[in-house]
Amino acid sequence: MPSSVIQRFTYDRDTRILTLLFVSGRYYNYLDVPGWIYEGLKQAQSKGRYFNRYIRNQYEFEPVH
């Protein structure tokens, strides 16, 4: 999953939490994310572009410590 912005991501279908690890080393949980958004992120050629368009500023998030 090469990306200049996102290093890794996981999704929990039960809680609908999308966890992203950015190349900066920071983790964030994005809350109440539908499964189709996660599937779209997996398939996107540009993870950063997809994130900016469909996730950033669309879902509540919290830093993971």
PDB file of N, CA and C in Angstrom:
ATOM      1  N   MET A   1       0.826  -1.176   0.000  1.00  0.00           N
ATOM      2  CA  MET A   1       0.000   0.000   0.000  1.00  0.00           C
ATOM      3  C   MET A   1       0.878   1.249   0.000  1.00  0.00           C
ATOM      4  N   PRO A   2       1.583   1.515  -1.044  1.00  0.00           N
ATOM      5  CA  PRO A   2       2.457   2.691  -1.067  1.00  0.00           C
ATOM      6  C   PRO A   2       1.654   3.993  -1.077  1.00  0.00           C
ATOM      7  N   SER A   3       2.034   4.914  -0.220  1.00  0.00           N
ATOM      8  CA  SER A   3       1.417   6.231  -0.170  1.00  0.00           C
ATOM      9  C   SER A   3       2.423   7.194   0.425  1.00  0.00           C
ATOM     10  N   SER A   4       2.399   8.418  -0.059  1.00  0.00           N
ATOM     11  CA  SER A   4       3.302   9.419   0.495  1.00  0.00           C
ATOM     12  C   SER A   4       2.722  10.047   1.760  1.00  0.00           C
ATOM     13  N   VAL A   5       1.469   9.717   2.086  1.00  0.00           N
ATOM     14  CA  VAL A   5       0.791  10.315   3.235  1.00  0.00           C
ATOM     15  C   VAL A   5       0.434   9.275   4.294  1.00  0.00           C
ATOM     16  N   ILE A   6      -0.117   8.158   3.854  1.00  0.00           N
ATOM     17  CA  ILE A   6      -0.637   7.137   4.763  1.00  0.00           C
ATOM     18  C   ILE A   6       0.289   5.924   4.739  1.00  0.00           C
ATOM     19  N   GLN A   7       0.786   5.567   5.903  1.00  0.00           N
ATOM     20  CA  GLN A   7       1.695   4.426   5.999  1.00  0.00           C
ATOM     21  C   GLN A   7       0.936   3.109   6.112  1.00  0.00           C
ATOM     22  N   ARG A   8      -0.170   3.127   6.900  1.00  0.00           N
ATOM     23  CA  ARG A   8      -0.923   1.887   7.137  1.00  0.00           C
ATOM     24  C   ARG A   8      -2.321   2.261   7.619  1.00  0.00           C
ATOM     25  N   PHE A   9      -3.278   1.354   7.396  1.00  0.00           N
ATOM     26  CA  PHE A   9      -4.623   1.578   7.914  1.00  0.00           C
ATOM     27  C   PHE A   9      -5.304   0.253   8.190  1.00  0.00           C
ATOM     28  N   THR A  10      -6.219   0.282   9.152  1.00  0.00           N
ATOM     29  CA  THR A  10      -7.026  -0.891   9.497  1.00  0.00           C
ATOM     30  C   THR A  10      -8.464  -0.427   9.707  1.00  0.00           C
ATOM     31  N   TYR A  11      -9.373  -1.392   9.659  1.00  0.00           N
ATOM     32  CA  TYR A  11     -10.788  -1.072   9.832  1.00  0.00           C
ATOM     33  C   TYR A  11     -11.447  -2.153  10.663  1.00  0.00           C
ATOM     34  N   ASP A  12     -12.252  -1.722  11.631  1.00  0.00           N
ATOM     35  CA  ASP A  12     -13.029  -2.644  12.462  1.00  0.00           C
ATOM     36  C   ASP A  12     -14.494  -2.512  12.050  1.00  0.00           C
ATOM     37  N   ARG A  13     -15.013  -3.538  11.405  1.00  0.00           N
ATOM     38  CA  ARG A  13     -16.396  -3.490  10.905  1.00  0.00           C
ATOM     39  C   ARG A  13     -17.428  -3.422  12.028  1.00  0.00           C
ATOM     40  N   ASP A  14     -17.122  -3.999  13.171  1.00  0.00           N
ATOM     41  CA  ASP A  14     -18.073  -3.977  14.293  1.00  0.00           C
ATOM     42  C   ASP A  14     -18.237  -2.578  14.882  1.00  0.00           C
ATOM     43  N   THR A  15     -17.134  -1.879  15.058  1.00  0.00           N
ATOM     44  CA  THR A  15     -17.186  -0.545  15.665  1.00  0.00           C
ATOM     45  C   THR A  15     -17.218   0.571  14.623  1.00  0.00           C
ATOM     46  N   ARG A  16     -16.950   0.216  13.356  1.00  0.00           N
ATOM     47  CA  ARG A  16     -16.889   1.184  12.243  1.00  0.00           C
ATOM     48  C   ARG A  16     -15.798   2.236  12.479  1.00  0.00           C
ATOM     49  N   ILE A  17     -14.681   1.786  13.060  1.00  0.00           N
ATOM     50  CA  ILE A  17     -13.543   2.675  13.298  1.00  0.00           C
ATOM     51  C   ILE A  17     -12.454   2.372  12.272  1.00  0.00           C
ATOM     52  N   LEU A  18     -12.055   3.418  11.562  1.00  0.00           N
ATOM     53  CA  LEU A  18     -10.948   3.345  10.615  1.00  0.00           C
ATOM     54  C   LEU A  18      -9.736   3.958  11.303  1.00  0.00           C
ATOM     55  N   THR A  19      -8.682   3.170  11.462  1.00  0.00           N
ATOM     56  CA  THR A  19      -7.458   3.653  12.105  1.00  0.00           C
ATOM     57  C   THR A  19      -6.404   3.873  11.034  1.00  0.00           C
ATOM     58  N   LEU A  20      -5.853   5.071  11.019  1.00  0.00           N
ATOM     59  CA  LEU A  20      -4.832   5.426  10.038  1.00  0.00           C
ATOM     60  C   LEU A  20      -3.524   5.746  10.742  1.00  0.00           C
ATOM     61  N   LEU A  21      -2.438   5.230  10.204  1.00  0.00           N
ATOM     62  CA  LEU A  21      -1.101   5.626  10.620  1.00  0.00           C
ATOM     63  C   LEU A  21      -0.521   6.453   9.484  1.00  0.00           C
ATOM     64  N   PHE A  22      -0.239   7.697   9.774  1.00  0.00           N
ATOM     65  CA  PHE A  22       0.329   8.590   8.768  1.00  0.00           C
ATOM     66  C   PHE A  22       1.854   8.466   8.762  1.00  0.00           C
ATOM     67  N   VAL A  23       2.472   8.865   7.685  1.00  0.00           N
ATOM     68  CA  VAL A  23       3.929   8.762   7.586  1.00  0.00           C
ATOM     69  C   VAL A  23       4.622   9.613   8.648  1.00  0.00           C
ATOM     70  N   SER A  24       3.904  10.552   9.233  1.00  0.00           N
ATOM     71  CA  SER A  24       4.444  11.370  10.325  1.00  0.00           C
ATOM     72  C   SER A  24       4.629  10.558  11.596  1.00  0.00           C
ATOM     73  N   GLY A  25       4.026   9.341  11.624  1.00  0.00           N
ATOM     74  CA  GLY A  25       4.102   8.501  12.817  1.00  0.00           C
ATOM     75  C   GLY A  25       2.898   8.635  13.726  1.00  0.00           C
ATOM     76  N   ARG A  26       1.948   9.477  13.358  1.00  0.00           N
ATOM     77  CA  ARG A  26       0.758   9.691  14.183  1.00  0.00           C
ATOM     78  C   ARG A  26      -0.385   8.787  13.742  1.00  0.00           C
ATOM     79  N   TYR A  27      -1.063   8.222  14.745  1.00  0.00           N
ATOM     80  CA  TYR A  27      -2.242   7.382  14.534  1.00  0.00           C
ATOM     81  C   TYR A  27      -3.496   8.200  14.835  1.00  0.00           C
ATOM     82  N   TYR A  28      -4.544   7.971  14.045  1.00  0.00           N
ATOM     83  CA  TYR A  28      -5.848   8.576  14.306  1.00  0.00           C
ATOM     84  C   TYR A  28      -6.938   7.549  14.060  1.00  0.00           C
ATOM     85  N   ASN A  29      -7.956   7.589  14.903  1.00  0.00           N
ATOM     86  CA  ASN A  29      -9.169   6.804  14.701  1.00  0.00           C
ATOM     87  C   ASN A  29     -10.222   7.705  14.084  1.00  0.00           C
ATOM     88  N   TYR A  30     -10.785   7.271  12.983  1.00  0.00           N
ATOM     89  CA  TYR A  30     -11.910   7.968  12.355  1.00  0.00           C
ATOM     90  C   TYR A  30     -13.156   7.166  12.694  1.00  0.00           C
ATOM     91  N   LEU A  31     -14.163   7.866  13.224  1.00  0.00           N
ATOM     92  CA  LEU A  31     -15.302   7.222  13.858  1.00  0.00           C
ATOM     93  C   LEU A  31     -16.508   7.114  12.931  1.00  0.00           C
ATOM     94  N   ASP A  32     -17.237   6.011  13.084  1.00  0.00           N
ATOM     95  CA  ASP A  32     -18.483   5.762  12.370  1.00  0.00           C
ATOM     96  C   ASP A  32     -18.304   5.830  10.846  1.00  0.00           C
ATOM     97  N   VAL A  33     -17.224   5.230  10.370  1.00  0.00           N
ATOM     98  CA  VAL A  33     -16.909   5.212   8.940  1.00  0.00           C
ATOM     99  C   VAL A  33     -17.579   3.991   8.305  1.00  0.00           C
ATOM    100  N   PRO A  34     -18.375   4.194   7.262  1.00  0.00           N
ATOM    101  CA  PRO A  34     -19.020   3.055   6.596  1.00  0.00           C
ATOM    102  C   PRO A  34     -17.998   2.140   5.917  1.00  0.00           C
ATOM    103  N   GLY A  35     -18.347   0.876   5.817  1.00  0.00           N
ATOM    104  CA  GLY A  35     -17.448  -0.094   5.194  1.00  0.00           C
ATOM    105  C   GLY A  35     -17.084   0.247   3.765  1.00  0.00           C
ATOM    106  N   TRP A  36     -18.005   0.874   3.032  1.00  0.00           N
ATOM    107  CA  TRP A  36     -17.707   1.183   1.624  1.00  0.00           C
ATOM    108  C   TRP A  36     -16.607   2.239   1.508  1.00  0.00           C
ATOM    109  N   ILE A  37     -16.477   3.099   2.507  1.00  0.00           N
ATOM    110  CA  ILE A  37     -15.382   4.084   2.505  1.00  0.00           C
ATOM    111  C   ILE A  37     -14.053   3.354   2.677  1.00  0.00           C
ATOM    112  N   TYR A  38     -14.008   2.413   3.604  1.00  0.00           N
ATOM    113  CA  TYR A  38     -12.798   1.612   3.807  1.00  0.00           C
ATOM    114  C   TYR A  38     -12.437   0.849   2.537  1.00  0.00           C
ATOM    115  N   GLU A  39     -13.428   0.215   1.915  1.00  0.00           N
ATOM    116  CA  GLU A  39     -13.165  -0.542   0.684  1.00  0.00           C
ATOM    117  C   GLU A  39     -12.636   0.376  -0.404  1.00  0.00           C
ATOM    118  N   GLY A  40     -13.185   1.569  -0.486  1.00  0.00           N
ATOM    119  CA  GLY A  40     -12.705   2.541  -1.465  1.00  0.00           C
ATOM    120  C   GLY A  40     -11.266   2.942  -1.207  1.00  0.00           C
ATOM    121  N   LEU A  41     -10.914   3.104   0.066  1.00  0.00           N
ATOM    122  CA  LEU A  41      -9.537   3.447   0.415  1.00  0.00           C
ATOM    123  C   LEU A  41      -8.583   2.323   0.019  1.00  0.00           C
ATOM    124  N   LYS A  42      -8.999   1.082   0.267  1.00  0.00           N
ATOM    125  CA  LYS A  42      -8.156  -0.060  -0.117  1.00  0.00           C
ATOM    126  C   LYS A  42      -7.900  -0.084  -1.615  1.00  0.00           C
ATOM    127  N   GLN A  43      -8.903   0.258  -2.402  1.00  0.00           N
ATOM    128  CA  GLN A  43      -8.801   0.168  -3.858  1.00  0.00           C
ATOM    129  C   GLN A  43      -8.181   1.405  -4.508  1.00  0.00           C
ATOM    130  N   ALA A  44      -8.143   2.508  -3.791  1.00  0.00           N
ATOM    131  CA  ALA A  44      -7.693   3.775  -4.381  1.00  0.00           C
ATOM    132  C   ALA A  44      -6.229   3.714  -4.806  1.00  0.00           C
ATOM    133  N   GLN A  45      -5.963   4.213  -5.989  1.00  0.00           N
ATOM    134  CA  GLN A  45      -4.568   4.305  -6.447  1.00  0.00           C
ATOM    135  C   GLN A  45      -3.798   5.307  -5.605  1.00  0.00           C
ATOM    136  N   SER A  46      -4.442   6.417  -5.273  1.00  0.00           N
ATOM    137  CA  SER A  46      -3.822   7.424  -4.419  1.00  0.00           C
ATOM    138  C   SER A  46      -4.560   7.454  -3.089  1.00  0.00           C
ATOM    139  N   LYS A  47      -3.960   6.864  -2.071  1.00  0.00           N
ATOM    140  CA  LYS A  47      -4.577   6.820  -0.746  1.00  0.00           C
ATOM    141  C   LYS A  47      -4.755   8.226  -0.180  1.00  0.00           C
ATOM    142  N   GLY A  48      -3.759   9.072  -0.364  1.00  0.00           N
ATOM    143  CA  GLY A  48      -3.825  10.442   0.142  1.00  0.00           C
ATOM    144  C   GLY A  48      -4.936  11.235  -0.509  1.00  0.00           C
ATOM    145  N   ARG A  49      -5.087  11.113  -1.810  1.00  0.00           N
ATOM    146  CA  ARG A  49      -6.143  11.829  -2.518  1.00  0.00           C
ATOM    147  C   ARG A  49      -7.522  11.331  -2.064  1.00  0.00           C
ATOM    148  N   TYR A  50      -7.658  10.021  -1.938  1.00  0.00           N
ATOM    149  CA  TYR A  50      -8.924   9.448  -1.476  1.00  0.00           C
ATOM    150  C   TYR A  50      -9.227   9.941  -0.064  1.00  0.00           C
ATOM    151  N   PHE A  51      -8.233   9.898   0.818  1.00  0.00           N
ATOM    152  CA  PHE A  51      -8.405  10.371   2.190  1.00  0.00           C
ATOM    153  C   PHE A  51      -8.884  11.821   2.198  1.00  0.00           C
ATOM    154  N   ASN A  52      -8.224  12.677   1.440  1.00  0.00           N
ATOM    155  CA  ASN A  52      -8.593  14.093   1.419  1.00  0.00           C
ATOM    156  C   ASN A  52      -9.998  14.320   0.894  1.00  0.00           C
ATOM    157  N   ARG A  53     -10.410  13.516  -0.057  1.00  0.00           N
ATOM    158  CA  ARG A  53     -11.716  13.726  -0.676  1.00  0.00           C
ATOM    159  C   ARG A  53     -12.865  13.103   0.115  1.00  0.00           C
ATOM    160  N   TYR A  54     -12.669  11.921   0.678  1.00  0.00           N
ATOM    161  CA  TYR A  54     -13.784  11.166   1.255  1.00  0.00           C
ATOM    162  C   TYR A  54     -13.746  10.981   2.770  1.00  0.00           C
ATOM    163  N   ILE A  55     -12.609  11.256   3.399  1.00  0.00           N
ATOM    164  CA  ILE A  55     -12.502  10.980   4.843  1.00  0.00           C
ATOM    165  C   ILE A  55     -12.205  12.247   5.634  1.00  0.00           C
ATOM    166  N   ARG A  56     -11.177  12.961   5.239  1.00  0.00           N
ATOM    167  CA  ARG A  56     -10.781  14.181   5.953  1.00  0.00           C
ATOM    168  C   ARG A  56     -11.951  15.169   5.972  1.00  0.00           C
ATOM    169  N   ASN A  57     -12.217  15.734   7.128  1.00  0.00           N
ATOM    170  CA  ASN A  57     -13.301  16.695   7.342  1.00  0.00           C
ATOM    171  C   ASN A  57     -14.696  16.109   7.124  1.00  0.00           C
ATOM    172  N   GLN A  58     -14.805  14.796   6.989  1.00  0.00           N
ATOM    173  CA  GLN A  58     -16.102  14.148   6.812  1.00  0.00           C
ATOM    174  C   GLN A  58     -16.515  13.358   8.051  1.00  0.00           C
ATOM    175  N   TYR A  59     -15.533  12.905   8.821  1.00  0.00           N
ATOM    176  CA  TYR A  59     -15.805  12.044   9.973  1.00  0.00           C
ATOM    177  C   TYR A  59     -15.085  12.587  11.201  1.00  0.00           C
ATOM    178  N   GLU A  60     -15.708  12.385  12.351  1.00  0.00           N
ATOM    179  CA  GLU A  60     -15.036  12.740  13.604  1.00  0.00           C
ATOM    180  C   GLU A  60     -13.811  11.849  13.750  1.00  0.00           C
ATOM    181  N   PHE A  61     -12.801  12.380  14.405  1.00  0.00           N
ATOM    182  CA  PHE A  61     -11.589  11.606  14.610  1.00  0.00           C
ATOM    183  C   PHE A  61     -11.000  11.913  15.969  1.00  0.00           C
ATOM    184  N   GLU A  62     -10.124  11.015  16.412  1.00  0.00           N
ATOM    185  CA  GLU A  62      -9.429  11.219  17.674  1.00  0.00           C
ATOM    186  C   GLU A  62      -8.022  10.661  17.539  1.00  0.00           C
ATOM    187  N   PRO A  63      -7.058  11.323  18.147  1.00  0.00           N
ATOM    188  CA  PRO A  63      -5.698  10.787  18.121  1.00  0.00           C
ATOM    189  C   PRO A  63      -5.610   9.522  18.963  1.00  0.00           C
ATOM    190  N   VAL A  64      -4.748   8.624  18.551  1.00  0.00           N
ATOM    191  CA  VAL A  64      -4.481   7.391  19.300  1.00  0.00           C
ATOM    192  C   VAL A  64      -3.137   7.566  19.974  1.00  0.00           C
ATOM    193  N   HIS A  65      -3.090   7.355  21.259  1.00  0.00           N
ATOM    194  CA  HIS A  65      -1.844   7.575  22.020  1.00  0.00           C
ATOM    195  C   HIS A  65      -1.058   6.300  22.163  1.00  0.00           C
TER     196      HIS A  65
END
